[in-house]
Amino acid sequence: MQTEINKVELRNLRIEDYKELKKSMMEAYKELDNAYWKEHHINKLLTIFPEGQLVILVDGKVVGSALSLIVNEDTAIRNHNYADITGNYTFSTHDSLGDVLYGIDVFIHPKYRGLRLGRRLYDTRKELCEQLNLKAIMFAGRIPNYTKYSDEITPKIYIDKVRQKEIYDPVLSFQLSNDFHVIKIMQNYLEGDKSSKEFAVLLEWNNIYYDKSPKLINTRKSVVRIGLVQWQMRPLANLEALFEQSEFFIDVVSGYGSDFALFPELFIAPLMADFNHLSEADAIREIANYSEPIRKRFQELAISYNINIITGSMPYLEDGVLYNVGFLCKRDGTYEMYTKIHITPNEVQYWGMKGGSEIKTFDTDCGKIGIMICYDVEFPELSRLMSDQGMEILFVPFLTDTQNGYTRVKLCAQARAIENECYVAIAGCVGNLPKVNNMDIQYAQTAVFTPSDFAFPSNGVKAEATPNTEMTLIVDVDLDLLKKLHEHGSVRILKDRRHDLYQIKKLK
């Protein structure tokens, strides 16, 4: 990506988006003559089915869209071309009582491809299909690379080869990777589509939640999936090697549909090896220069993999003062910084670190979260203040060198889960760094802890990784269980506090 992205937004299309929509569509369909919707077409779609028209913006600029109708399954299945399915571009085929969401267009501006923005549009279409209790999503997809093979193979053989990954097609390969399956081939589908030889592939995605006798469905997201990275400390040749290893883990946890990825405290420490000839304090200040490039790359990865990333922590210099900070890189392209409040004696002695002064929670698309770095979890006042602000999940990136240190983090994290009636996720580093002073050994067991009541595991441990082994941990947490606990738990810690006797307050 050539330019830095600050904000990604996916929302319903508005008529005032039209001029930018047209520009992006013309760029996306340069090979097709005059391939863009007129303003009266968009106006009609927004009149008959506004919730089915989606747009994606980057820093306020329209860079992609997905347009849809609702039709009957019989209409979608029978042979048709593009003019037929759109009612000769009048959209008279739209039937609000139909059972299939039919996609009539999806595009991404060429400059913004490679960020998986198209996948976001498809994921949102799937959510819409489920919310409207429709049977399936269907559409006829182009096969733009077919023109390269049309003299040698039939469309059927071409599709088989794409399915087997012997041939790559930018449209069909993407659709197959998004759980769509081929229904049939259609001829003369889109007039002027020379690259597809006017062939198209009718594709379908089935809604497994479809109910012929629809019931009211709670569409609010209750179950949040967390991907935790137990990071192996290893020599890294350069910053790009760190990015490569980080992206591998982000790819893994996002592949399982995780909403969050959590990295450990100071997982970038291997980069200090190049400065091991310096004092510990000078070496860590050298890698503080990497904090901004790391933040920018993780922002891009959050967008590309559609996941909220908690970057563990890294050294950060501000006005000559060294802090231990991390970034919450949200999948909408925005980010926020958090700072370690309590600094260990070791961090003060060897590195001259200072503690931050801001206690806050973070709003995300999966609820309100808190983030503490390692030693901070051993101070219960911080999490209680966050809990009072509505925190439901507390993330704790940590780094401990001995089992004694890990035990402190683990037991305190478990206590925070119980006393604040929240989930606590911790992730640490494992392995050895013999060529980095003051960072030579690590011990960790990544885990997710819960309150201790009947709705949760009896030992308060939702899941644990294998100790001292590089791996990921994928864990689902149900936020609705917390709400029930607050009101109907065996004990109600948050409700039963004696505010008449004591209170905890922030001083600034």
Protein backbone atom coordinates (compact mmCIF):
# COMPACT_ATOMS: atom_id res chain seq x y z
CA MET A 1 0.00 0.00 0.00
CA GLN A 2 1.54 3.30 -1.13
CA THR A 3 -0.38 5.75 1.06
CA GLU A 4 -1.14 5.56 4.76
CA ILE A 5 -4.76 4.78 5.61
CA ASN A 6 -6.32 6.38 8.65
CA LYS A 7 -9.94 5.23 8.50
CA VAL A 8 -11.92 2.48 6.76
CA GLU A 9 -15.70 2.63 6.92
CA LEU A 10 -18.29 0.19 5.57
CA ARG A 11 -21.86 1.49 5.52
CA ASN A 12 -25.00 1.71 3.43
CA LEU A 13 -24.74 3.70 0.22
CA ARG A 14 -26.19 7.23 0.13
CA ILE A 15 -27.18 9.23 -2.92
CA GLU A 16 -24.63 11.91 -2.03
CA ASP A 17 -21.92 9.24 -2.58
CA TYR A 18 -22.81 9.03 -6.26
CA LYS A 19 -20.06 11.18 -7.81
CA GLU A 20 -17.27 9.31 -6.01
CA LEU A 21 -19.01 5.99 -6.65
CA LYS A 22 -19.02 6.71 -10.38
CA LYS A 23 -15.32 7.63 -10.42
CA SER A 24 -14.28 4.48 -8.58
CA MET A 25 -16.52 2.27 -10.72
CA MET A 26 -15.04 3.68 -13.93
CA GLU A 27 -11.54 2.93 -12.64
CA ALA A 28 -12.57 -0.59 -11.61
CA TYR A 29 -14.15 -1.39 -15.01
CA LYS A 30 -11.74 0.33 -17.38
CA GLU A 31 -11.87 -2.63 -19.78
CA LEU A 32 -15.64 -2.21 -20.21
CA ASP A 33 -17.10 0.71 -22.13
CA ASN A 34 -19.21 3.13 -20.06
CA ALA A 35 -19.55 0.55 -17.29
CA TYR A 36 -21.02 2.63 -14.53
CA TRP A 37 -24.46 3.12 -13.02
CA LYS A 38 -26.30 6.32 -13.80
CA GLU A 39 -27.52 8.41 -10.89
CA HIS A 40 -31.17 7.49 -11.48
CA HIS A 41 -30.21 3.79 -11.23
CA ILE A 42 -28.62 4.33 -7.80
CA ASN A 43 -31.56 6.44 -6.70
CA LYS A 44 -33.95 3.62 -7.62
CA LEU A 45 -31.91 1.00 -5.73
CA LEU A 46 -31.85 3.20 -2.65
CA THR A 47 -35.60 3.61 -2.91
CA ILE A 48 -36.55 -0.06 -3.24
CA PHE A 49 -33.83 -1.76 -1.15
CA PRO A 50 -31.56 0.70 0.72
CA GLU A 51 -30.16 -1.88 3.16
CA GLY A 52 -28.87 -3.98 0.27
CA GLN A 53 -26.62 -1.25 -1.16
CA LEU A 54 -23.21 -1.13 0.51
CA VAL A 55 -20.26 1.19 0.12
CA ILE A 56 -16.75 1.11 1.53
CA LEU A 57 -14.80 4.32 2.17
CA VAL A 58 -11.14 4.93 2.88
CA ASP A 59 -10.46 8.24 4.61
CA GLY A 60 -13.87 9.45 3.45
CA LYS A 61 -13.37 8.47 -0.20
CA VAL A 62 -15.60 5.86 -1.87
CA VAL A 63 -13.34 3.04 -3.05
CA GLY A 64 -15.78 0.16 -3.51
CA SER A 65 -19.39 -0.95 -3.44
CA ALA A 66 -21.72 -3.94 -3.44
CA LEU A 67 -25.22 -3.61 -4.91
CA SER A 68 -28.00 -6.17 -4.46
CA LEU A 69 -31.63 -7.08 -5.12
CA ILE A 70 -33.95 -9.63 -3.56
CA VAL A 71 -35.43 -12.12 -6.04
CA ASN A 72 -37.19 -15.46 -5.99
CA GLU A 73 -35.00 -18.54 -6.15
CA ASP A 74 -36.68 -19.66 -9.37
CA THR A 75 -35.79 -16.34 -11.00
CA ALA A 76 -32.16 -16.65 -9.95
CA ILE A 77 -31.78 -20.29 -11.02
CA ARG A 78 -33.25 -20.16 -14.51
CA ASN A 79 -31.11 -19.07 -17.45
CA HIS A 80 -30.83 -15.31 -17.64
CA ASN A 81 -28.50 -12.54 -18.63
CA TYR A 82 -27.63 -9.34 -16.83
CA ALA A 83 -30.41 -7.34 -18.46
CA ASP A 84 -32.96 -10.03 -17.51
CA ILE A 85 -32.03 -10.19 -13.83
CA THR A 86 -32.08 -6.39 -13.47
CA GLY A 87 -35.36 -5.96 -15.36
CA ASN A 88 -33.49 -4.29 -18.19
CA TYR A 89 -31.85 -2.02 -15.60
CA THR A 90 -35.19 -0.94 -14.09
CA PHE A 91 -34.81 -3.32 -11.09
CA SER A 92 -38.41 -4.43 -11.55
CA THR A 93 -37.23 -7.95 -10.65
CA HIS A 94 -36.74 -6.90 -7.02
CA ASP A 95 -39.21 -8.73 -4.78
CA SER A 96 -39.14 -7.88 -1.09
CA LEU A 97 -40.89 -11.22 -0.42
CA GLY A 98 -38.27 -13.20 -2.34
CA ASP A 99 -35.85 -15.64 -0.73
CA VAL A 100 -32.51 -14.95 -2.49
CA LEU A 101 -30.14 -11.99 -2.18
CA TYR A 102 -28.92 -11.45 -5.73
CA GLY A 103 -25.67 -9.51 -6.18
CA ILE A 104 -25.75 -7.26 -9.21
CA ASP A 105 -22.38 -5.60 -8.68
CA VAL A 106 -19.24 -5.62 -6.54
CA PHE A 107 -16.13 -3.61 -7.27
CA ILE A 108 -13.03 -2.17 -5.58
CA HIS A 109 -10.99 0.71 -6.95
CA PRO A 110 -7.73 -0.78 -8.37
CA LYS A 111 -5.59 1.40 -6.08
CA TYR A 112 -7.15 -0.21 -3.01
CA ARG A 113 -7.09 -3.84 -4.04
CA GLY A 114 -5.03 -6.25 -1.96
CA LEU A 115 -6.50 -4.98 1.33
CA ARG A 116 -9.28 -7.60 1.38
CA LEU A 117 -11.91 -4.86 1.20
CA GLY A 118 -13.93 -6.99 -1.20
CA ARG A 119 -14.06 -9.71 1.42
CA ARG A 120 -15.53 -7.22 3.89
CA LEU A 121 -18.29 -6.41 1.43
CA TYR A 122 -19.05 -10.11 0.97
CA ASP A 123 -18.98 -10.77 4.72
CA THR A 124 -21.45 -7.94 5.24
CA ARG A 125 -23.68 -9.33 2.49
CA LYS A 126 -23.65 -12.67 4.29
CA GLU A 127 -24.64 -10.98 7.55
CA LEU A 128 -27.45 -9.19 5.72
CA CYS A 129 -28.64 -12.46 4.20
CA GLU A 130 -28.78 -14.01 7.67
CA GLN A 131 -30.50 -11.00 9.24
CA LEU A 132 -33.16 -10.90 6.52
CA ASN A 133 -33.59 -14.69 6.81
CA LEU A 134 -32.95 -15.25 3.10
CA LYS A 135 -32.13 -18.68 1.74
CA ALA A 136 -28.98 -17.82 -0.18
CA ILE A 137 -26.82 -15.27 -1.95
CA MET A 138 -26.56 -15.77 -5.70
CA PHE A 139 -25.01 -13.87 -8.59
CA ALA A 140 -23.35 -14.47 -11.94
CA GLY A 141 -19.63 -13.86 -11.72
CA ARG A 142 -17.39 -12.87 -14.60
CA ILE A 143 -14.35 -14.98 -15.56
CA PRO A 144 -12.02 -12.26 -16.91
CA ASN A 145 -8.97 -14.50 -17.41
CA TYR A 146 -10.86 -16.90 -19.64
CA THR A 147 -9.88 -14.94 -22.74
CA LYS A 148 -6.30 -16.23 -22.27
CA TYR A 149 -7.46 -19.85 -22.51
CA SER A 150 -10.60 -19.73 -24.67
CA ASP A 151 -8.83 -21.11 -27.75
CA GLU A 152 -7.68 -24.18 -25.80
CA ILE A 153 -10.35 -25.17 -23.25
CA THR A 154 -14.09 -24.87 -22.66
CA PRO A 155 -15.52 -22.74 -19.85
CA LYS A 156 -16.33 -25.93 -17.92
CA ILE A 157 -12.72 -27.11 -18.02
CA TYR A 158 -11.56 -23.58 -17.17
CA ILE A 159 -13.75 -23.51 -14.07
CA ASP A 160 -12.47 -26.92 -12.97
CA LYS A 161 -8.88 -25.76 -13.33
CA VAL A 162 -9.59 -22.61 -11.34
CA ARG A 163 -11.24 -24.73 -8.64
CA GLN A 164 -8.16 -26.97 -8.53
CA LYS A 165 -5.91 -23.86 -8.43
CA GLU A 166 -4.20 -24.75 -11.70
CA ILE A 167 -5.43 -21.43 -13.12
CA TYR A 168 -5.97 -18.16 -11.27
CA ASP A 169 -8.97 -16.01 -12.10
CA PRO A 170 -9.23 -12.71 -10.15
CA VAL A 171 -13.01 -13.00 -9.83
CA LEU A 172 -13.80 -16.71 -9.69
CA SER A 173 -10.83 -17.62 -7.46
CA PHE A 174 -11.97 -14.96 -5.00
CA GLN A 175 -15.58 -16.20 -5.01
CA LEU A 176 -14.57 -19.81 -4.42
CA SER A 177 -12.33 -18.79 -1.52
CA ASN A 178 -15.35 -17.04 0.04
CA ASP A 179 -17.43 -20.24 0.24
CA PHE A 180 -19.43 -19.76 -2.95
CA HIS A 181 -20.06 -22.82 -5.10
CA VAL A 182 -20.73 -23.11 -8.81
CA ILE A 183 -24.29 -23.76 -9.97
CA LYS A 184 -23.88 -23.53 -13.75
CA ILE A 185 -22.35 -21.66 -16.67
CA MET A 186 -24.36 -19.01 -18.46
CA GLN A 187 -23.73 -17.75 -22.00
CA ASN A 188 -24.15 -14.22 -23.35
CA TYR A 189 -24.52 -12.89 -19.83
CA LEU A 190 -22.97 -9.42 -20.06
CA GLU A 191 -22.77 -7.78 -23.44
CA GLY A 192 -19.32 -6.35 -24.14
CA ASP A 193 -17.49 -8.50 -21.55
CA LYS A 194 -14.75 -9.51 -23.99
CA SER A 195 -12.33 -10.86 -21.37
CA SER A 196 -14.96 -13.38 -20.18
CA LYS A 197 -16.13 -14.07 -23.75
CA GLU A 198 -19.55 -13.04 -22.35
CA PHE A 199 -19.63 -16.19 -20.20
CA ALA A 200 -20.52 -16.00 -16.52
CA VAL A 201 -20.64 -18.49 -13.66
CA LEU A 202 -23.77 -18.65 -11.52
CA LEU A 203 -22.54 -18.91 -7.92
CA GLU A 204 -24.34 -19.53 -4.63
CA TRP A 205 -23.68 -19.18 -0.91
CA ASN A 206 -26.19 -20.93 1.35
CA ASN A 207 -27.45 -19.41 4.59
CA ILE A 208 -27.29 -22.26 7.10
CA TYR A 209 -29.48 -20.25 9.48
CA TYR A 210 -32.32 -19.92 6.99
CA ASP A 211 -35.67 -20.78 8.55
CA LYS A 212 -38.80 -21.17 6.44
CA SER A 213 -40.75 -20.19 9.56
CA PRO A 214 -38.76 -17.12 10.52
CA LYS A 215 -38.30 -16.20 14.14
CA LEU A 216 -37.05 -13.00 15.65
CA ILE A 217 -33.26 -13.17 15.63
CA ASN A 218 -30.98 -11.24 17.95
CA THR A 219 -28.50 -9.82 15.47
CA ARG A 220 -26.22 -8.26 18.07
CA LYS A 221 -22.81 -9.91 18.24
CA SER A 222 -22.59 -11.83 21.50
CA VAL A 223 -19.73 -14.28 20.95
CA VAL A 224 -16.33 -12.67 20.39
CA ARG A 225 -13.42 -14.73 19.07
CA ILE A 226 -9.94 -13.94 20.39
CA GLY A 227 -6.69 -15.06 18.73
CA LEU A 228 -3.69 -15.01 21.08
CA VAL A 229 -0.10 -15.33 19.88
CA GLN A 230 2.43 -17.11 22.08
CA TRP A 231 5.48 -15.66 20.35
CA GLN A 232 8.80 -17.49 20.06
CA MET A 233 11.77 -15.20 20.61
CA ARG A 234 14.17 -15.88 17.73
CA PRO A 235 16.89 -13.94 15.89
CA LEU A 236 15.41 -11.64 13.25
CA ALA A 237 17.46 -10.33 10.35
CA ASN A 238 15.60 -7.03 10.08
CA LEU A 239 12.27 -5.27 10.52
CA GLU A 240 10.79 -6.98 7.47
CA ALA A 241 11.46 -10.37 9.08
CA LEU A 242 9.45 -9.22 12.11
CA PHE A 243 6.61 -8.14 9.82
CA GLU A 244 6.69 -11.45 7.97
CA GLN A 245 6.42 -13.48 11.17
CA SER A 246 3.72 -11.17 12.56
CA GLU A 247 1.65 -11.37 9.39
CA PHE A 248 1.88 -15.16 9.49
CA PHE A 249 0.17 -15.22 12.89
CA ILE A 250 -2.37 -12.56 11.94
CA ASP A 251 -3.24 -14.60 8.85
CA VAL A 252 -3.69 -17.70 11.00
CA VAL A 253 -5.96 -16.21 13.65
CA SER A 254 -7.98 -14.16 11.15
CA GLY A 255 -8.42 -17.32 9.08
CA TYR A 256 -10.36 -18.73 12.03
CA GLY A 257 -12.59 -15.66 12.11
CA SER A 258 -11.00 -14.00 15.14
CA ASP A 259 -12.17 -10.53 16.11
CA PHE A 260 -8.96 -9.73 18.00
CA ALA A 261 -5.30 -10.69 17.71
CA LEU A 262 -3.16 -10.21 20.83
CA PHE A 263 0.66 -10.06 20.72
CA PRO A 264 2.94 -10.16 23.80
CA GLU A 265 4.85 -7.42 25.58
CA LEU A 266 8.16 -6.41 23.93
CA PHE A 267 7.90 -9.16 21.31
CA ILE A 268 10.08 -6.97 19.07
CA ALA A 269 13.08 -7.44 21.42
CA PRO A 270 15.01 -9.65 18.92
CA LEU A 271 15.67 -6.48 16.91
CA MET A 272 17.99 -5.33 19.75
CA ALA A 273 20.56 -7.93 18.69
CA ASP A 274 22.01 -5.45 16.18
CA PHE A 275 22.68 -3.05 19.04
CA ASN A 276 24.01 -5.52 21.60
CA HIS A 277 27.38 -3.73 21.56
CA LEU A 278 25.66 -0.77 23.20
CA SER A 279 24.44 -0.48 26.77
CA GLU A 280 20.98 -1.91 27.49
CA ALA A 281 19.55 1.60 27.78
CA ASP A 282 21.01 2.72 24.44
CA ALA A 283 20.04 -0.50 22.66
CA ILE A 284 16.37 -0.28 23.59
CA ARG A 285 16.28 3.37 22.56
CA GLU A 286 17.56 2.36 19.14
CA ILE A 287 14.65 0.01 18.55
CA ALA A 288 12.25 2.67 19.81
CA ASN A 289 12.80 4.17 16.35
CA TYR A 290 10.85 1.19 14.94
CA SER A 291 7.64 1.93 16.86
CA GLU A 292 6.08 4.18 14.21
CA PRO A 293 6.84 1.87 11.23
CA ILE A 294 5.48 -1.06 13.26
CA ARG A 295 2.32 0.83 14.09
CA LYS A 296 1.77 1.74 10.44
CA ARG A 297 2.29 -1.84 9.23
CA PHE A 298 -0.03 -3.26 11.86
CA GLN A 299 -2.67 -0.72 10.84
CA GLU A 300 -2.43 -2.06 7.28
CA LEU A 301 -2.63 -5.66 8.51
CA ALA A 302 -5.70 -4.86 10.63
CA ILE A 303 -7.41 -3.54 7.51
CA SER A 304 -6.20 -6.33 5.21
CA TYR A 305 -7.17 -9.16 7.54
CA ASN A 306 -10.30 -7.48 8.96
CA ILE A 307 -9.21 -7.97 12.55
CA ASN A 308 -8.53 -5.75 15.57
CA ILE A 309 -4.87 -6.09 16.53
CA ILE A 310 -3.41 -5.42 19.97
CA THR A 311 0.28 -5.00 19.22
CA GLY A 312 1.64 -6.16 22.55
CA SER A 313 4.15 -3.50 23.49
CA MET A 314 7.34 -1.81 22.32
CA PRO A 315 9.68 0.95 23.52
CA TYR A 316 8.54 4.45 22.57
CA LEU A 317 10.43 7.74 22.87
CA GLU A 318 8.55 10.96 23.44
CA ASP A 319 10.44 14.17 24.20
CA GLY A 320 13.46 12.10 25.23
CA VAL A 321 11.45 10.00 27.72
CA LEU A 322 11.24 6.22 27.18
CA TYR A 323 7.85 4.56 27.63
CA ASN A 324 6.54 1.02 27.18
CA VAL A 325 3.55 1.35 24.83
CA GLY A 326 1.37 -0.58 22.44
CA PHE A 327 -1.28 0.16 19.84
CA LEU A 328 -4.84 -0.99 19.34
CA CYS A 329 -5.07 -1.10 15.53
CA LYS A 330 -8.73 -1.42 14.65
CA ARG A 331 -10.02 -3.05 11.52
CA ASP A 332 -11.64 0.24 10.48
CA GLY A 333 -8.13 1.67 10.00
CA THR A 334 -8.02 3.81 13.15
CA TYR A 335 -5.66 3.24 16.06
CA GLU A 336 -5.21 4.19 19.71
CA MET A 337 -2.16 4.00 21.95
CA TYR A 338 -1.93 2.58 25.46
CA THR A 339 0.98 2.95 27.90
CA LYS A 340 2.32 0.81 30.70
CA ILE A 341 1.50 2.60 33.95
CA HIS A 342 3.65 0.69 36.45
CA ILE A 343 7.30 0.11 35.55
CA THR A 344 9.19 -2.80 37.10
CA PRO A 345 12.45 -2.22 39.01
CA ASN A 346 14.27 -4.06 36.19
CA GLU A 347 12.87 -1.72 33.52
CA VAL A 348 13.92 1.30 35.58
CA GLN A 349 17.39 -0.03 36.41
CA TYR A 350 18.45 -1.26 32.96
CA TRP A 351 16.44 0.92 30.58
CA GLY A 352 15.41 4.04 32.50
CA MET A 353 11.74 3.65 31.54
CA LYS A 354 8.97 5.87 32.84
CA GLY A 355 5.33 4.99 33.50
CA GLY A 356 2.40 6.48 31.62
CA SER A 357 -0.34 8.52 33.25
CA GLU A 358 -3.56 7.70 31.39
CA ILE A 359 -6.05 5.05 32.49
CA LYS A 360 -8.71 4.40 29.85
CA THR A 361 -10.86 1.84 28.06
CA PHE A 362 -11.33 1.43 24.32
CA ASP A 363 -14.50 1.21 22.28
CA THR A 364 -14.39 -1.50 19.59
CA ASP A 365 -16.87 -3.16 17.26
CA CYS A 366 -16.95 -6.03 19.79
CA GLY A 367 -17.65 -3.99 22.89
CA LYS A 368 -15.55 -2.08 25.38
CA ILE A 369 -12.11 -3.46 26.25
CA GLY A 370 -9.23 -2.66 28.54
CA ILE A 371 -5.52 -3.19 27.91
CA MET A 372 -2.79 -3.48 30.55
CA ILE A 373 0.85 -4.32 30.03
CA CYS A 374 2.19 -7.11 32.28
CA TYR A 375 3.06 -5.58 35.71
CA ASP A 376 -0.05 -3.38 35.56
CA VAL A 377 -2.31 -6.40 36.08
CA GLU A 378 -0.82 -6.79 39.56
CA PHE A 379 -2.48 -3.51 40.61
CA PRO A 380 -6.23 -4.18 41.03
CA GLU A 381 -7.20 -0.52 41.12
CA LEU A 382 -6.56 -0.07 37.39
CA SER A 383 -8.90 -2.80 36.22
CA ARG A 384 -11.59 -1.73 38.69
CA LEU A 385 -11.56 1.75 37.16
CA MET A 386 -11.82 0.19 33.70
CA SER A 387 -14.64 -2.05 34.85
CA ASP A 388 -16.53 1.00 36.09
CA GLN A 389 -16.25 2.32 32.52
CA GLY A 390 -17.94 -0.83 31.15
CA MET A 391 -14.96 -3.02 30.23
CA GLU A 392 -15.95 -6.57 29.23
CA ILE A 393 -12.61 -8.00 28.07
CA LEU A 394 -9.22 -7.16 29.56
CA PHE A 395 -6.18 -7.87 27.37
CA VAL A 396 -2.79 -8.30 29.06
CA PRO A 397 0.33 -8.62 26.89
CA PHE A 398 3.14 -9.75 29.18
CA LEU A 399 6.80 -10.76 29.26
CA THR A 400 8.17 -12.83 32.15
CA ASP A 401 11.57 -14.48 32.39
CA THR A 402 10.84 -16.99 35.17
CA GLN A 403 7.96 -19.16 36.29
CA ASN A 404 7.75 -17.05 39.46
CA GLY A 405 7.06 -13.93 37.40
CA TYR A 406 4.53 -15.77 35.23
CA THR A 407 2.72 -17.06 38.33
CA ARG A 408 2.24 -13.51 39.56
CA VAL A 409 0.78 -12.41 36.22
CA LYS A 410 -1.44 -15.48 35.93
CA LEU A 411 -2.91 -15.40 39.41
CA CYS A 412 -3.47 -11.65 39.33
CA ALA A 413 -5.14 -11.95 35.92
CA GLN A 414 -7.46 -14.62 37.28
CA ALA A 415 -8.29 -12.39 40.24
CA ARG A 416 -9.08 -9.49 37.88
CA ALA A 417 -11.52 -11.71 35.96
CA ILE A 418 -13.37 -12.67 39.12
CA GLU A 419 -13.50 -9.31 40.86
CA ASN A 420 -14.49 -7.37 37.71
CA GLU A 421 -16.79 -10.04 36.24
CA CYS A 422 -14.98 -9.89 32.91
CA TYR A 423 -12.80 -12.02 30.62
CA VAL A 424 -9.03 -11.61 30.84
CA ALA A 425 -6.77 -12.67 27.96
CA ILE A 426 -3.00 -12.86 28.50
CA ALA A 427 -0.29 -13.54 25.91
CA GLY A 428 3.46 -13.86 26.45
CA CYS A 429 6.77 -14.68 24.79
CA VAL A 430 8.67 -17.95 25.03
CA GLY A 431 12.19 -19.09 24.17
CA ASN A 432 15.64 -17.57 24.49
CA LEU A 433 17.57 -14.59 23.12
CA PRO A 434 21.21 -15.28 24.00
CA LYS A 435 22.48 -12.29 21.96
CA VAL A 436 20.27 -9.65 23.56
CA ASN A 437 21.33 -8.36 26.95
CA ASN A 438 18.64 -8.33 29.67
CA MET A 439 16.28 -10.33 27.42
CA ASP A 440 17.94 -13.74 27.42
CA ILE A 441 15.18 -16.06 28.76
CA GLN A 442 11.37 -16.08 28.74
CA TYR A 443 8.62 -18.20 30.28
CA ALA A 444 4.93 -18.05 29.35
CA GLN A 445 1.63 -19.87 29.16
CA THR A 446 -0.90 -17.85 27.21
CA ALA A 447 -4.48 -18.15 28.46
CA VAL A 448 -7.99 -16.75 28.74
CA PHE A 449 -9.56 -16.52 32.20
CA THR A 450 -13.20 -16.16 33.17
CA PRO A 451 -15.22 -15.30 36.27
CA SER A 452 -15.88 -18.30 38.49
CA ASP A 453 -19.59 -19.13 38.42
CA PHE A 454 -21.86 -21.82 37.01
CA ALA A 455 -21.92 -20.42 33.46
CA PHE A 456 -18.11 -20.59 33.26
CA PRO A 457 -15.43 -23.27 33.74
CA SER A 458 -15.22 -24.28 37.40
CA ASN A 459 -11.50 -23.40 37.55
CA GLY A 460 -12.01 -20.05 35.81
CA VAL A 461 -9.78 -21.06 32.88
CA LYS A 462 -11.44 -20.89 29.47
CA ALA A 463 -8.35 -22.08 27.59
CA GLU A 464 -4.58 -22.35 28.04
CA ALA A 465 -1.69 -22.80 25.62
CA THR A 466 1.08 -25.33 26.09
CA PRO A 467 3.75 -23.70 28.28
CA ASN A 468 6.93 -22.48 26.57
CA THR A 469 5.85 -23.54 23.07
CA GLU A 470 5.23 -21.22 20.15
CA MET A 471 1.57 -21.48 19.16
CA THR A 472 -1.71 -19.65 18.81
CA LEU A 473 -4.78 -19.96 21.01
CA ILE A 474 -8.24 -19.35 19.52
CA VAL A 475 -10.93 -18.75 22.14
CA ASP A 476 -14.61 -17.75 22.00
CA VAL A 477 -16.01 -15.64 24.83
CA ASP A 478 -19.72 -14.97 25.28
CA LEU A 479 -20.46 -11.42 26.40
CA ASP A 480 -24.10 -12.24 27.17
CA LEU A 481 -22.92 -14.57 29.95
CA LEU A 482 -21.30 -11.58 31.64
CA LYS A 483 -24.58 -9.66 31.59
CA LYS A 484 -26.39 -12.61 33.19
CA LEU A 485 -23.63 -12.89 35.78
CA HIS A 486 -23.95 -9.22 36.72
CA GLU A 487 -27.65 -9.69 37.50
CA HIS A 488 -28.09 -13.33 38.49
CA GLY A 489 -24.68 -14.68 39.55
CA SER A 490 -24.12 -16.71 42.70
CA VAL A 491 -22.28 -13.62 43.91
CA ARG A 492 -22.57 -10.15 42.37
CA ILE A 493 -19.26 -8.50 43.08
CA LEU A 494 -19.82 -5.35 41.08
CA LYS A 495 -23.27 -4.77 42.57
CA ASP A 496 -22.38 -5.67 46.14
CA ARG A 497 -19.52 -3.21 46.66
CA ARG A 498 -19.94 -0.94 49.68
CA HIS A 499 -19.80 2.48 48.05
CA ASP A 500 -20.90 3.92 51.38
CA LEU A 501 -17.54 2.81 52.85
CA TYR A 502 -14.99 3.06 50.02
CA GLN A 503 -14.51 4.22 46.44
CA ILE A 504 -11.75 4.17 43.83
CA LYS A 505 -11.28 7.33 41.79
CA LYS A 506 -8.91 8.58 39.12
CA LEU A 507 -6.99 11.67 40.25
CA LYS A 508 -6.66 12.99 36.69
